[in-house]
Amino acid sequence: MSISTRSQMRAARALLGWSQLDLASRAGVSLPTIKRLEPGDEVLTGSHQTIEAIRRALEDAGVIFVAENGEGPGVRLRKARPE
């Protein structure tokens, strides 16, 4: 599954306890880009390369994007792997 809405992006960042600056830094995009993409609840639009960089950064940190299942798209954290 991939990131599809602005609210998923905000929720994923909140689950990780990341600021907008943290996400920008980890995704390799500018802070103004994150600030421009996050407002609202509609479908996330923008450069495919930018959205992929954001998705990759969030997934690498443990976020799983949940598909529309009748209740709307969402996010959750991957279970910690036992060592």
N, C-alpha and C. Protein backbone atom coordinates (compact mmCIF):
# COMPACT_ATOMS: atom_id res chain seq x y z
N MET A 1 0.86 -1.18 0.00
CA MET A 1 0.00 0.00 0.00
C MET A 1 0.89 1.22 0.00
N SER A 2 0.36 2.28 -0.51
CA SER A 2 1.11 3.53 -0.60
C SER A 2 0.34 4.65 0.08
N ILE A 3 1.04 5.70 0.37
CA ILE A 3 0.42 6.88 0.95
C ILE A 3 -0.52 7.49 -0.10
N SER A 4 -1.74 7.84 0.32
CA SER A 4 -2.68 8.38 -0.65
C SER A 4 -3.33 9.69 -0.22
N THR A 5 -3.37 9.97 1.07
CA THR A 5 -4.03 11.20 1.51
C THR A 5 -3.11 12.04 2.39
N ARG A 6 -3.45 13.30 2.46
CA ARG A 6 -2.69 14.23 3.30
C ARG A 6 -2.82 13.86 4.78
N SER A 7 -4.01 13.39 5.16
CA SER A 7 -4.21 13.02 6.57
C SER A 7 -3.35 11.79 6.93
N GLN A 8 -3.14 10.88 5.98
CA GLN A 8 -2.23 9.75 6.24
C GLN A 8 -0.82 10.25 6.49
N MET A 9 -0.41 11.22 5.73
CA MET A 9 0.94 11.78 5.89
C MET A 9 1.10 12.40 7.27
N ARG A 10 0.12 13.18 7.69
CA ARG A 10 0.18 13.81 9.02
C ARG A 10 0.13 12.76 10.13
N ALA A 11 -0.76 11.76 9.97
CA ALA A 11 -0.90 10.73 10.99
C ALA A 11 0.37 9.90 11.11
N ALA A 12 0.98 9.57 9.99
CA ALA A 12 2.22 8.79 10.01
C ALA A 12 3.32 9.57 10.74
N ARG A 13 3.42 10.83 10.44
CA ARG A 13 4.42 11.67 11.09
C ARG A 13 4.16 11.75 12.60
N ALA A 14 2.89 11.87 12.97
CA ALA A 14 2.53 11.94 14.39
C ALA A 14 2.85 10.63 15.11
N LEU A 15 2.56 9.49 14.47
CA LEU A 15 2.88 8.20 15.09
C LEU A 15 4.36 8.06 15.40
N LEU A 16 5.18 8.63 14.56
CA LEU A 16 6.62 8.55 14.74
C LEU A 16 7.15 9.63 15.68
N GLY A 17 6.31 10.62 15.99
CA GLY A 17 6.75 11.73 16.83
C GLY A 17 7.69 12.67 16.09
N TRP A 18 7.54 12.72 14.76
CA TRP A 18 8.39 13.56 13.94
C TRP A 18 7.76 14.92 13.72
N SER A 19 8.60 15.94 13.68
CA SER A 19 8.16 17.27 13.26
C SER A 19 8.14 17.31 11.74
N GLN A 20 7.61 18.37 11.20
CA GLN A 20 7.67 18.54 9.74
C GLN A 20 9.12 18.61 9.27
N LEU A 21 9.97 19.24 10.07
CA LEU A 21 11.39 19.33 9.72
C LEU A 21 12.04 17.95 9.72
N ASP A 22 11.68 17.11 10.69
CA ASP A 22 12.22 15.74 10.72
C ASP A 22 11.87 14.99 9.44
N LEU A 23 10.60 15.07 9.04
CA LEU A 23 10.17 14.37 7.83
C LEU A 23 10.88 14.93 6.60
N ALA A 24 10.96 16.23 6.50
CA ALA A 24 11.65 16.84 5.36
C ALA A 24 13.09 16.36 5.27
N SER A 25 13.77 16.36 6.41
CA SER A 25 15.17 15.94 6.44
C SER A 25 15.33 14.47 6.05
N ARG A 26 14.49 13.61 6.62
CA ARG A 26 14.61 12.18 6.34
C ARG A 26 14.18 11.82 4.92
N ALA A 27 13.28 12.60 4.35
CA ALA A 27 12.82 12.33 2.98
C ALA A 27 13.67 13.04 1.94
N GLY A 28 14.53 13.95 2.38
CA GLY A 28 15.37 14.68 1.44
C GLY A 28 14.60 15.70 0.62
N VAL A 29 13.56 16.28 1.23
CA VAL A 29 12.79 17.33 0.56
C VAL A 29 12.81 18.57 1.46
N SER A 30 12.38 19.69 0.92
CA SER A 30 12.43 20.92 1.70
C SER A 30 11.27 21.01 2.70
N LEU A 31 11.50 21.76 3.76
CA LEU A 31 10.44 22.00 4.74
C LEU A 31 9.23 22.68 4.11
N PRO A 32 9.41 23.69 3.24
CA PRO A 32 8.24 24.29 2.58
C PRO A 32 7.42 23.27 1.78
N THR A 33 8.08 22.26 1.22
CA THR A 33 7.35 21.23 0.48
C THR A 33 6.44 20.46 1.41
N ILE A 34 6.94 20.06 2.58
CA ILE A 34 6.12 19.33 3.55
C ILE A 34 4.96 20.22 4.00
N LYS A 35 5.24 21.48 4.30
CA LYS A 35 4.19 22.41 4.75
C LYS A 35 3.12 22.61 3.68
N ARG A 36 3.50 22.59 2.42
CA ARG A 36 2.56 22.76 1.32
C ARG A 36 1.71 21.51 1.12
N LEU A 37 2.30 20.33 1.33
CA LEU A 37 1.59 19.08 1.07
C LEU A 37 0.62 18.67 2.17
N GLU A 38 0.89 19.02 3.43
CA GLU A 38 0.11 18.48 4.54
C GLU A 38 -1.30 19.03 4.75
N PRO A 39 -1.59 20.29 4.54
CA PRO A 39 -2.93 20.79 4.88
C PRO A 39 -4.05 20.10 4.10
N GLY A 40 -5.19 19.94 4.77
CA GLY A 40 -6.36 19.36 4.13
C GLY A 40 -6.44 17.85 4.32
N ASP A 41 -7.49 17.26 3.78
CA ASP A 41 -7.70 15.82 3.91
C ASP A 41 -7.80 15.11 2.57
N GLU A 42 -7.69 15.86 1.50
CA GLU A 42 -7.89 15.28 0.19
C GLU A 42 -6.70 14.44 -0.26
N VAL A 43 -6.85 13.88 -1.42
CA VAL A 43 -5.81 13.03 -2.01
C VAL A 43 -4.52 13.82 -2.11
N LEU A 44 -3.44 13.16 -1.77
CA LEU A 44 -2.11 13.77 -1.82
C LEU A 44 -1.68 13.91 -3.26
N THR A 45 -1.34 15.13 -3.66
CA THR A 45 -0.88 15.37 -5.02
C THR A 45 0.44 16.11 -4.97
N GLY A 46 1.21 15.92 -5.99
CA GLY A 46 2.51 16.57 -6.08
C GLY A 46 3.41 15.73 -6.96
N SER A 47 4.67 16.08 -6.98
CA SER A 47 5.64 15.34 -7.76
C SER A 47 5.69 13.88 -7.30
N HIS A 48 5.62 12.97 -8.26
CA HIS A 48 5.70 11.54 -7.93
C HIS A 48 6.98 11.23 -7.16
N GLN A 49 8.07 11.85 -7.57
CA GLN A 49 9.37 11.62 -6.93
C GLN A 49 9.34 12.10 -5.47
N THR A 50 8.72 13.23 -5.21
CA THR A 50 8.63 13.78 -3.86
C THR A 50 7.76 12.89 -2.98
N ILE A 51 6.61 12.50 -3.47
CA ILE A 51 5.70 11.65 -2.68
C ILE A 51 6.36 10.31 -2.40
N GLU A 52 7.08 9.76 -3.36
CA GLU A 52 7.78 8.48 -3.15
C GLU A 52 8.86 8.63 -2.09
N ALA A 53 9.58 9.74 -2.08
CA ALA A 53 10.62 9.97 -1.08
C ALA A 53 10.01 10.06 0.32
N ILE A 54 8.87 10.71 0.43
CA ILE A 54 8.17 10.82 1.71
C ILE A 54 7.67 9.45 2.15
N ARG A 55 7.05 8.71 1.24
CA ARG A 55 6.55 7.36 1.55
C ARG A 55 7.69 6.47 2.03
N ARG A 56 8.79 6.49 1.31
CA ARG A 56 9.94 5.65 1.64
C ARG A 56 10.48 5.98 3.04
N ALA A 57 10.60 7.27 3.35
CA ALA A 57 11.12 7.68 4.66
C ALA A 57 10.20 7.21 5.78
N LEU A 58 8.89 7.35 5.58
CA LEU A 58 7.94 6.94 6.61
C LEU A 58 7.90 5.42 6.75
N GLU A 59 7.90 4.69 5.64
CA GLU A 59 7.90 3.23 5.72
C GLU A 59 9.20 2.70 6.31
N ASP A 60 10.33 3.30 5.97
CA ASP A 60 11.61 2.87 6.54
C ASP A 60 11.63 3.05 8.05
N ALA A 61 10.86 4.01 8.55
CA ALA A 61 10.78 4.26 9.99
C ALA A 61 9.75 3.37 10.68
N GLY A 62 9.01 2.55 9.91
CA GLY A 62 8.10 1.61 10.53
C GLY A 62 6.62 1.83 10.28
N VAL A 63 6.27 2.80 9.45
CA VAL A 63 4.87 3.08 9.16
C VAL A 63 4.35 2.11 8.10
N ILE A 64 3.14 1.64 8.29
CA ILE A 64 2.43 0.84 7.30
C ILE A 64 1.20 1.63 6.90
N PHE A 65 1.03 1.83 5.60
CA PHE A 65 -0.15 2.53 5.09
C PHE A 65 -1.24 1.50 4.85
N VAL A 66 -2.42 1.77 5.40
CA VAL A 66 -3.56 0.85 5.33
C VAL A 66 -4.51 1.35 4.24
N ALA A 67 -4.92 0.42 3.39
CA ALA A 67 -5.81 0.76 2.27
C ALA A 67 -7.21 1.08 2.77
N GLU A 68 -7.95 1.73 1.91
CA GLU A 68 -9.39 1.99 2.15
C GLU A 68 -10.06 0.65 2.44
N ASN A 69 -10.76 0.55 3.55
CA ASN A 69 -11.40 -0.72 3.92
C ASN A 69 -12.84 -0.52 4.36
N GLY A 70 -13.46 0.51 3.86
CA GLY A 70 -14.82 0.84 4.29
C GLY A 70 -14.83 1.93 5.33
N GLU A 71 -13.74 2.09 6.03
CA GLU A 71 -13.62 3.13 7.06
C GLU A 71 -12.68 4.24 6.62
N GLY A 72 -12.06 4.09 5.49
CA GLY A 72 -11.12 5.09 5.00
C GLY A 72 -9.69 4.62 5.16
N PRO A 73 -8.75 5.22 4.42
CA PRO A 73 -7.35 4.84 4.52
C PRO A 73 -6.78 5.25 5.86
N GLY A 74 -5.74 4.57 6.29
CA GLY A 74 -5.14 4.88 7.57
C GLY A 74 -3.67 4.51 7.62
N VAL A 75 -3.13 4.54 8.82
CA VAL A 75 -1.73 4.18 9.06
C VAL A 75 -1.62 3.42 10.36
N ARG A 76 -0.57 2.63 10.47
CA ARG A 76 -0.23 1.98 11.73
C ARG A 76 1.27 1.74 11.74
N LEU A 77 1.79 1.40 12.91
CA LEU A 77 3.21 1.10 13.01
C LEU A 77 3.44 -0.40 12.91
N ARG A 78 4.51 -0.76 12.25
CA ARG A 78 4.90 -2.15 12.14
C ARG A 78 5.26 -2.66 13.53
N LYS A 79 4.93 -3.92 13.81
CA LYS A 79 5.29 -4.52 15.08
C LYS A 79 6.80 -4.62 15.18
N ALA A 80 7.30 -4.41 16.38
CA ALA A 80 8.74 -4.56 16.61
C ALA A 80 9.11 -6.01 16.42
N ARG A 81 10.19 -6.24 15.75
CA ARG A 81 10.66 -7.61 15.54
C ARG A 81 11.43 -8.07 16.76
N PRO A 82 11.14 -9.27 17.25
CA PRO A 82 11.91 -9.78 18.40
C PRO A 82 13.37 -9.96 18.03
N GLU A 83 14.22 -9.67 18.98
CA GLU A 83 15.67 -9.80 18.72
C GLU A 83 16.17 -11.15 19.14
